[in-house]
């Protein structure tokens, strides 16, 4: 008997889709080529990176305990234990996914999957070759780090997000090429752990997908804390030495500078894992390697869906993959579903200070012809931020001038990646600035700053 649903890939989108299919009573299988379940996000991405970022947050307090009235002489960072904690978190949640598969009666098939067309999937795994039949297939094969031409990552000098997570020691110096979310998060981690960090970004500003004021604020903080930031910079002639990496950087002012680092992290984006999936045996259409889908995640091949990092037109974020999985499975099961709304997708970057954003930036809103009003509120005016000693940053609301429609919210500051949830909910519920002004915010909380920012759209913030 064929499966009702076969999901290829066990990242957040894949395993969530498999769970939901099981909940709907569909006969479901999950195919995964890695020894453990969880995909890039759990094994070598979101989760281990955030574990290190949390340790960096805690370490900040131990480096400056006197500010908290705590006596703590000569604190030491045991990096081996830091890595062990990170690995235990990953293992715990990977085992948790295995439990979820059993709970929801999802068969797990280990091996490399390749579409054969006509609902057939060839799987080459530890138990040999087999063919799996499916009425519906969900592709969730994820992505991998892009590498600069002519370079290959290794376990010692040239690293991607995979290798850097298992470095046995904190490097004295590290160069990072690319200042998107991955690059700036690792810059934030290792700067606080004591490395000398140089961040090279080819575009005019770091975190370039964010609102321009957010980029400027993070840039200012990074420079203040000792990170060297070079935007408009190009790295060339990268070469490995016996125990270091050298490169030639062309800076924004046109000067060329020779740089040398103990480690080099390449964080220039991610490419979709579609090359070996057997798409040539189907009608699936690609756009620069990404799979084209309709609003219900359907590809051009009947009964084949695609979700997550391989999808053209949506950001490569774990929570996007998960929701796309819900849309795909709901469509298969004949349930009511709401397609992804691109302007309701939250972004979260876990630097210090953190970043959370949703909707249009100020520049995007103006480019689309909106007449906008902007409300900003700095965390320096928030009492809970003072208690946390996290004053930097602000909340910025982009609103339509006439009706008060919320077009976008952008936050940089303490727990920004958590605070953005209120803005996402408000926009999904089509709340206006006025309704958010009438929403009571608990005191003292850092999310009061969001209420103040909404009030300040009309110049009515209290604490500035």
Foldseek 3Di string as FASTA:
>chain_A
DAWQEEEEAQALLRLLLQLVLLVLVTAYAYEYADPFGHPCCLPQRVQLLVLLLVVLVVVVCLVPVVVVVDDHPPDDDDVQVSLVVSVVSSVVVRVVSVVSCVVSVYHYHYADWADQAPQWIWGQGPVGIDIHGYPFYEYEQAWAFDDDPPDDDDLFAEAESRNVSPDNDQWQEEEEEAQAQVRQSVLQSNLSVHHQYEYEELAQFHNVVAFPVQRVQSVVVCVVSRYHYFYNKDWAPWDDDPQKIWTWIQGNVRDIDIDITRHYYYHHDIAGPDPRRNCVSFPFDADNQATEADQLQDGPGPNYGYFAPRHPDADRDSVRSNLSSVSNSCVSSVHDHDGDDRQLDWDWRSHVQIKIKGADHPVRCVVVPADWFKFKFFQLLAVVCVVVVKGGWIKMWIAGDPPQFTGMIITTTHPNNVLCVVVSVCNVVRHGLVVLLVDDDDPRDSNVRVNQRSCCSVDRRDRD
